[in-house]
């Protein structure tokens, strides 16, 4: 599984969340389906706290984006 700090950094630098999820899925999925992997990422990000408002806002948007995969 990807490290939370690394994932947050990728989210902050990203212009397209699809690129983030796809790249990480290819590298870290270990045979899981996309919905399973997206759910794990969502849970990982939901456990953290991101003190800077800019980080929190974009991470929150990414978490909402991941919900599309797990519905």
PDB file of N, CA and C in Angstrom:
ATOM      1  N   UNK A   1       0.844  -1.190   0.000  1.00  0.00           N
ATOM      2  CA  UNK A   1       0.000   0.000   0.000  1.00  0.00           C
ATOM      3  C   UNK A   1       0.880   1.242   0.000  1.00  0.00           C
ATOM      4  N   UNK A   2       0.389   2.240  -0.620  1.00  0.00           N
ATOM      5  CA  UNK A   2       1.118   3.497  -0.728  1.00  0.00           C
ATOM      6  C   UNK A   2       1.184   4.205   0.629  1.00  0.00           C
ATOM      7  N   UNK A   3       2.233   4.963   0.842  1.00  0.00           N
ATOM      8  CA  UNK A   3       2.382   5.727   2.074  1.00  0.00           C
ATOM      9  C   UNK A   3       1.474   6.964   2.020  1.00  0.00           C
ATOM     10  N   UNK A   4       0.794   7.271   3.123  1.00  0.00           N
ATOM     11  CA  UNK A   4      -0.146   8.401   3.120  1.00  0.00           C
ATOM     12  C   UNK A   4       0.493   9.725   2.693  1.00  0.00           C
ATOM     13  N   UNK A   5       1.694  10.024   3.203  1.00  0.00           N
ATOM     14  CA  UNK A   5       2.326  11.289   2.851  1.00  0.00           C
ATOM     15  C   UNK A   5       2.604  11.367   1.349  1.00  0.00           C
ATOM     16  N   UNK A   6       3.075  10.271   0.778  1.00  0.00           N
ATOM     17  CA  UNK A   6       3.365  10.237  -0.653  1.00  0.00           C
ATOM     18  C   UNK A   6       2.086  10.444  -1.469  1.00  0.00           C
ATOM     19  N   UNK A   7       1.015   9.813  -1.043  1.00  0.00           N
ATOM     20  CA  UNK A   7      -0.263   9.944  -1.735  1.00  0.00           C
ATOM     21  C   UNK A   7      -0.770  11.384  -1.670  1.00  0.00           C
ATOM     22  N   UNK A   8      -0.689  11.992  -0.504  1.00  0.00           N
ATOM     23  CA  UNK A   8      -1.140  13.376  -0.354  1.00  0.00           C
ATOM     24  C   UNK A   8      -0.306  14.295  -1.244  1.00  0.00           C
ATOM     25  N   UNK A   9       0.977  14.049  -1.313  1.00  0.00           N
ATOM     26  CA  UNK A   9       1.852  14.857  -2.170  1.00  0.00           C
ATOM     27  C   UNK A   9       1.436  14.713  -3.637  1.00  0.00           C
ATOM     28  N   UNK A  10       1.139  13.494  -4.062  1.00  0.00           N
ATOM     29  CA  UNK A  10       0.695  13.268  -5.444  1.00  0.00           C
ATOM     30  C   UNK A  10      -0.623  13.992  -5.717  1.00  0.00           C
ATOM     31  N   UNK A  11      -1.517  13.949  -4.748  1.00  0.00           N
ATOM     32  CA  UNK A  11      -2.815  14.615  -4.899  1.00  0.00           C
ATOM     33  C   UNK A  11      -2.615  16.115  -5.066  1.00  0.00           C
ATOM     34  N   UNK A  12      -1.740  16.690  -4.245  1.00  0.00           N
ATOM     35  CA  UNK A  12      -1.492  18.134  -4.306  1.00  0.00           C
ATOM     36  C   UNK A  12      -0.895  18.560  -5.643  1.00  0.00           C
ATOM     37  N   UNK A  13      -0.048  17.746  -6.205  1.00  0.00           N
ATOM     38  CA  UNK A  13       0.635  18.089  -7.454  1.00  0.00           C
ATOM     39  C   UNK A  13      -0.197  17.764  -8.686  1.00  0.00           C
ATOM     40  N   UNK A  14      -1.277  17.025  -8.507  1.00  0.00           N
ATOM     41  CA  UNK A  14      -2.062  16.521  -9.630  1.00  0.00           C
ATOM     42  C   UNK A  14      -3.040  17.551 -10.183  1.00  0.00           C
ATOM     43  N   UNK A  15      -3.201  17.491 -11.478  1.00  0.00           N
ATOM     44  CA  UNK A  15      -4.240  18.257 -12.174  1.00  0.00           C
ATOM     45  C   UNK A  15      -5.407  17.333 -12.543  1.00  0.00           C
ATOM     46  N   UNK A  16      -5.169  16.015 -12.474  1.00  0.00           N
ATOM     47  CA  UNK A  16      -6.170  15.027 -12.870  1.00  0.00           C
ATOM     48  C   UNK A  16      -6.122  13.847 -11.901  1.00  0.00           C
ATOM     49  N   UNK A  17      -7.149  13.696 -11.088  1.00  0.00           N
ATOM     50  CA  UNK A  17      -7.187  12.625 -10.093  1.00  0.00           C
ATOM     51  C   UNK A  17      -7.155  11.241 -10.734  1.00  0.00           C
ATOM     52  N   UNK A  18      -7.627  11.119 -11.967  1.00  0.00           N
ATOM     53  CA  UNK A  18      -7.618   9.821 -12.648  1.00  0.00           C
ATOM     54  C   UNK A  18      -6.193   9.310 -12.822  1.00  0.00           C
ATOM     55  N   UNK A  19      -5.277  10.219 -13.097  1.00  0.00           N
ATOM     56  CA  UNK A  19      -3.872   9.828 -13.245  1.00  0.00           C
ATOM     57  C   UNK A  19      -3.312   9.293 -11.932  1.00  0.00           C
ATOM     58  N   UNK A  20      -3.680   9.917 -10.815  1.00  0.00           N
ATOM     59  CA  UNK A  20      -3.193   9.497  -9.503  1.00  0.00           C
ATOM     60  C   UNK A  20      -3.693   8.100  -9.174  1.00  0.00           C
ATOM     61  N   UNK A  21      -4.988   7.878  -9.300  1.00  0.00           N
ATOM     62  CA  UNK A  21      -5.550   6.576  -8.933  1.00  0.00           C
ATOM     63  C   UNK A  21      -5.020   5.483  -9.856  1.00  0.00           C
ATOM     64  N   UNK A  22      -4.919   5.748 -11.138  1.00  0.00           N
ATOM     65  CA  UNK A  22      -4.459   4.723 -12.074  1.00  0.00           C
ATOM     66  C   UNK A  22      -3.001   4.354 -11.830  1.00  0.00           C
ATOM     67  N   UNK A  23      -2.137   5.348 -11.671  1.00  0.00           N
ATOM     68  CA  UNK A  23      -0.714   5.068 -11.430  1.00  0.00           C
ATOM     69  C   UNK A  23      -0.522   4.283 -10.139  1.00  0.00           C
ATOM     70  N   UNK A  24      -1.222   4.672  -9.087  1.00  0.00           N
ATOM     71  CA  UNK A  24      -1.080   3.979  -7.812  1.00  0.00           C
ATOM     72  C   UNK A  24      -1.722   2.596  -7.837  1.00  0.00           C
ATOM     73  N   UNK A  25      -2.813   2.469  -8.559  1.00  0.00           N
ATOM     74  CA  UNK A  25      -3.461   1.168  -8.690  1.00  0.00           C
ATOM     75  C   UNK A  25      -2.525   0.179  -9.379  1.00  0.00           C
ATOM     76  N   UNK A  26      -1.888   0.614 -10.454  1.00  0.00           N
ATOM     77  CA  UNK A  26      -0.968  -0.261 -11.189  1.00  0.00           C
ATOM     78  C   UNK A  26       0.198  -0.682 -10.294  1.00  0.00           C
ATOM     79  N   UNK A  27       0.699   0.249  -9.504  1.00  0.00           N
ATOM     80  CA  UNK A  27       1.878  -0.031  -8.676  1.00  0.00           C
ATOM     81  C   UNK A  27       1.566  -0.758  -7.370  1.00  0.00           C
ATOM     82  N   UNK A  28       0.413  -0.489  -6.767  1.00  0.00           N
ATOM     83  CA  UNK A  28       0.167  -0.962  -5.404  1.00  0.00           C
ATOM     84  C   UNK A  28      -1.065  -1.857  -5.221  1.00  0.00           C
ATOM     85  N   UNK A  29      -1.737  -2.250  -6.279  1.00  0.00           N
ATOM     86  CA  UNK A  29      -3.005  -2.975  -6.109  1.00  0.00           C
ATOM     87  C   UNK A  29      -2.842  -4.409  -5.632  1.00  0.00           C
ATOM     88  N   UNK A  30      -1.738  -5.060  -5.953  1.00  0.00           N
ATOM     89  CA  UNK A  30      -1.497  -6.451  -5.541  1.00  0.00           C
ATOM     90  C   UNK A  30      -2.675  -7.369  -5.853  1.00  0.00           C
ATOM     91  N   UNK A  31      -3.246  -7.216  -7.045  1.00  0.00           N
ATOM     92  CA  UNK A  31      -4.314  -8.103  -7.488  1.00  0.00           C
ATOM     93  C   UNK A  31      -5.715  -7.728  -7.031  1.00  0.00           C
ATOM     94  N   UNK A  32      -5.859  -6.630  -6.321  1.00  0.00           N
ATOM     95  CA  UNK A  32      -7.189  -6.187  -5.887  1.00  0.00           C
ATOM     96  C   UNK A  32      -7.928  -5.580  -7.071  1.00  0.00           C
ATOM     97  N   UNK A  33      -9.236  -5.563  -6.983  1.00  0.00           N
ATOM     98  CA  UNK A  33     -10.023  -4.874  -7.997  1.00  0.00           C
ATOM     99  C   UNK A  33      -9.908  -3.372  -7.754  1.00  0.00           C
ATOM    100  N   UNK A  34     -10.260  -2.586  -8.751  1.00  0.00           N
ATOM    101  CA  UNK A  34     -10.200  -1.131  -8.608  1.00  0.00           C
ATOM    102  C   UNK A  34     -11.091  -0.639  -7.459  1.00  0.00           C
ATOM    103  N   UNK A  35     -12.338  -1.114  -7.320  1.00  0.00           N
ATOM    104  CA  UNK A  35     -13.147  -0.660  -6.187  1.00  0.00           C
ATOM    105  C   UNK A  35     -12.515  -1.009  -4.827  1.00  0.00           C
ATOM    106  N   UNK A  36     -11.927  -2.188  -4.715  1.00  0.00           N
ATOM    107  CA  UNK A  36     -11.270  -2.565  -3.459  1.00  0.00           C
ATOM    108  C   UNK A  36     -10.087  -1.649  -3.161  1.00  0.00           C
ATOM    109  N   UNK A  37      -9.299  -1.400  -4.181  1.00  0.00           N
ATOM    110  CA  UNK A  37      -8.127  -0.537  -3.997  1.00  0.00           C
ATOM    111  C   UNK A  37      -8.551   0.894  -3.658  1.00  0.00           C
ATOM    112  N   UNK A  38      -9.535   1.418  -4.378  1.00  0.00           N
ATOM    113  CA  UNK A  38     -10.011   2.786  -4.128  1.00  0.00           C
ATOM    114  C   UNK A  38     -10.555   2.914  -2.707  1.00  0.00           C
ATOM    115  N   UNK A  39     -11.239   1.888  -2.236  1.00  0.00           N
ATOM    116  CA  UNK A  39     -11.768   1.906  -0.869  1.00  0.00           C
ATOM    117  C   UNK A  39     -10.629   1.941   0.153  1.00  0.00           C
ATOM    118  N   UNK A  40      -9.566   1.187  -0.091  1.00  0.00           N
ATOM    119  CA  UNK A  40      -8.417   1.211   0.814  1.00  0.00           C
ATOM    120  C   UNK A  40      -7.752   2.586   0.832  1.00  0.00           C
ATOM    121  N   UNK A  41      -7.601   3.205  -0.323  1.00  0.00           N
ATOM    122  CA  UNK A  41      -7.023   4.553  -0.387  1.00  0.00           C
ATOM    123  C   UNK A  41      -7.913   5.536   0.360  1.00  0.00           C
ATOM    124  N   UNK A  42      -9.208   5.439   0.140  1.00  0.00           N
ATOM    125  CA  UNK A  42     -10.159   6.341   0.807  1.00  0.00           C
ATOM    126  C   UNK A  42     -10.062   6.204   2.317  1.00  0.00           C
ATOM    127  N   UNK A  43     -10.014   4.977   2.811  1.00  0.00           N
ATOM    128  CA  UNK A  43      -9.909   4.745   4.261  1.00  0.00           C
ATOM    129  C   UNK A  43      -8.586   5.277   4.799  1.00  0.00           C
ATOM    130  N   UNK A  44      -7.504   5.063   4.061  1.00  0.00           N
ATOM    131  CA  UNK A  44      -6.197   5.547   4.473  1.00  0.00           C
ATOM    132  C   UNK A  44      -6.197   7.068   4.601  1.00  0.00           C
ATOM    133  N   UNK A  45      -6.738   7.747   3.617  1.00  0.00           N
ATOM    134  CA  UNK A  45      -6.774   9.210   3.647  1.00  0.00           C
ATOM    135  C   UNK A  45      -7.740   9.737   4.702  1.00  0.00           C
ATOM    136  N   UNK A  46      -8.806   9.013   4.963  1.00  0.00           N
ATOM    137  CA  UNK A  46      -9.798   9.457   5.945  1.00  0.00           C
ATOM    138  C   UNK A  46      -9.269   9.395   7.368  1.00  0.00           C
ATOM    139  N   UNK A  47      -8.263   8.575   7.614  1.00  0.00           N
ATOM    140  CA  UNK A  47      -7.697   8.453   8.960  1.00  0.00           C
ATOM    141  C   UNK A  47      -6.754   9.596   9.298  1.00  0.00           C
ATOM    142  N   UNK A  48      -6.220  10.270   8.287  1.00  0.00           N
ATOM    143  CA  UNK A  48      -5.221  11.308   8.516  1.00  0.00           C
ATOM    144  C   UNK A  48      -5.834  12.660   8.799  1.00  0.00           C
ATOM    145  N   UNK A  49      -5.005  13.540   9.310  1.00  0.00           N
ATOM    146  CA  UNK A  49      -5.384  14.937   9.459  1.00  0.00           C
ATOM    147  C   UNK A  49      -4.385  15.767   8.674  1.00  0.00           C
ATOM    148  N   UNK A  50      -4.882  16.760   8.010  1.00  0.00           N
ATOM    149  CA  UNK A  50      -4.063  17.581   7.140  1.00  0.00           C
ATOM    150  C   UNK A  50      -4.236  19.024   7.575  1.00  0.00           C
ATOM    151  N   UNK A  51      -3.293  19.506   8.373  1.00  0.00           N
ATOM    152  CA  UNK A  51      -3.407  20.796   9.033  1.00  0.00           C
ATOM    153  C   UNK A  51      -3.567  21.989   8.121  1.00  0.00           C
ATOM    154  N   UNK A  52      -2.923  21.988   6.993  1.00  0.00           N
ATOM    155  CA  UNK A  52      -2.991  23.130   6.099  1.00  0.00           C
ATOM    156  C   UNK A  52      -4.285  23.039   5.284  1.00  0.00           C
ATOM    157  N   UNK A  53      -5.031  24.125   5.255  1.00  0.00           N
ATOM    158  CA  UNK A  53      -6.336  24.100   4.598  1.00  0.00           C
ATOM    159  C   UNK A  53      -6.257  23.710   3.128  1.00  0.00           C
ATOM    160  N   UNK A  54      -5.233  24.163   2.420  1.00  0.00           N
ATOM    161  CA  UNK A  54      -5.094  23.812   1.001  1.00  0.00           C
ATOM    162  C   UNK A  54      -4.945  22.315   0.821  1.00  0.00           C
ATOM    163  N   UNK A  55      -4.174  21.678   1.693  1.00  0.00           N
ATOM    164  CA  UNK A  55      -4.022  20.224   1.620  1.00  0.00           C
ATOM    165  C   UNK A  55      -5.350  19.557   1.911  1.00  0.00           C
ATOM    166  N   UNK A  56      -6.017  19.992   2.956  1.00  0.00           N
ATOM    167  CA  UNK A  56      -7.272  19.372   3.371  1.00  0.00           C
ATOM    168  C   UNK A  56      -8.312  19.453   2.256  1.00  0.00           C
ATOM    169  N   UNK A  57      -8.428  20.616   1.639  1.00  0.00           N
ATOM    170  CA  UNK A  57      -9.437  20.810   0.603  1.00  0.00           C
ATOM    171  C   UNK A  57      -9.228  19.864  -0.576  1.00  0.00           C
ATOM    172  N   UNK A  58      -8.011  19.787  -1.078  1.00  0.00           N
ATOM    173  CA  UNK A  58      -7.749  18.945  -2.249  1.00  0.00           C
ATOM    174  C   UNK A  58      -7.850  17.463  -1.890  1.00  0.00           C
ATOM    175  N   UNK A  59      -7.375  17.070  -0.699  1.00  0.00           N
ATOM    176  CA  UNK A  59      -7.501  15.676  -0.259  1.00  0.00           C
ATOM    177  C   UNK A  59      -8.971  15.314  -0.107  1.00  0.00           C
ATOM    178  N   UNK A  60      -9.754  16.228   0.421  1.00  0.00           N
ATOM    179  CA  UNK A  60     -11.188  15.983   0.575  1.00  0.00           C
ATOM    180  C   UNK A  60     -11.854  15.779  -0.794  1.00  0.00           C
ATOM    181  N   UNK A  61     -11.455  16.567  -1.779  1.00  0.00           N
ATOM    182  CA  UNK A  61     -11.976  16.401  -3.138  1.00  0.00           C
ATOM    183  C   UNK A  61     -11.602  15.032  -3.700  1.00  0.00           C
ATOM    184  N   UNK A  62     -10.376  14.595  -3.422  1.00  0.00           N
ATOM    185  CA  UNK A  62      -9.924  13.286  -3.898  1.00  0.00           C
ATOM    186  C   UNK A  62     -10.713  12.159  -3.230  1.00  0.00           C
ATOM    187  N   UNK A  63     -10.979  12.293  -1.933  1.00  0.00           N
ATOM    188  CA  UNK A  63     -11.774  11.286  -1.220  1.00  0.00           C
ATOM    189  C   UNK A  63     -13.161  11.184  -1.856  1.00  0.00           C
ATOM    190  N   UNK A  64     -13.762  12.308  -2.177  1.00  0.00           N
ATOM    191  CA  UNK A  64     -15.075  12.294  -2.842  1.00  0.00           C
ATOM    192  C   UNK A  64     -14.973  11.645  -4.228  1.00  0.00           C
ATOM    193  N   UNK A  65     -13.876  11.912  -4.932  1.00  0.00           N
ATOM    194  CA  UNK A  65     -13.636  11.285  -6.234  1.00  0.00           C
ATOM    195  C   UNK A  65     -13.563   9.766  -6.088  1.00  0.00           C
ATOM    196  N   UNK A  66     -12.897   9.283  -5.043  1.00  0.00           N
ATOM    197  CA  UNK A  66     -12.763   7.833  -4.821  1.00  0.00           C
ATOM    198  C   UNK A  66     -14.102   7.167  -4.540  1.00  0.00           C
ATOM    199  N   UNK A  67     -15.046   7.895  -3.977  1.00  0.00           N
ATOM    200  CA  UNK A  67     -16.358   7.325  -3.683  1.00  0.00           C
ATOM    201  C   UNK A  67     -17.057   6.864  -4.956  1.00  0.00           C
ATOM    202  N   UNK A  68     -16.740   7.497  -6.081  1.00  0.00           N
ATOM    203  CA  UNK A  68     -17.326   7.085  -7.360  1.00  0.00           C
ATOM    204  C   UNK A  68     -16.970   5.636  -7.670  1.00  0.00           C
ATOM    205  N   UNK A  69     -15.764   5.204  -7.321  1.00  0.00           N
ATOM    206  CA  UNK A  69     -15.314   3.843  -7.591  1.00  0.00           C
ATOM    207  C   UNK A  69     -15.950   2.820  -6.662  1.00  0.00           C
ATOM    208  N   UNK A  70     -16.320   3.232  -5.465  1.00  0.00           N
ATOM    209  CA  UNK A  70     -16.764   2.278  -4.456  1.00  0.00           C
ATOM    210  C   UNK A  70     -18.283   2.204  -4.340  1.00  0.00           C
ATOM    211  N   UNK A  71     -19.004   2.962  -5.133  1.00  0.00           N
ATOM    212  CA  UNK A  71     -20.473   2.917  -5.058  1.00  0.00           C
ATOM    213  C   UNK A  71     -21.028   1.729  -5.792  1.00  0.00           C
TER     214      UNK A  71
END
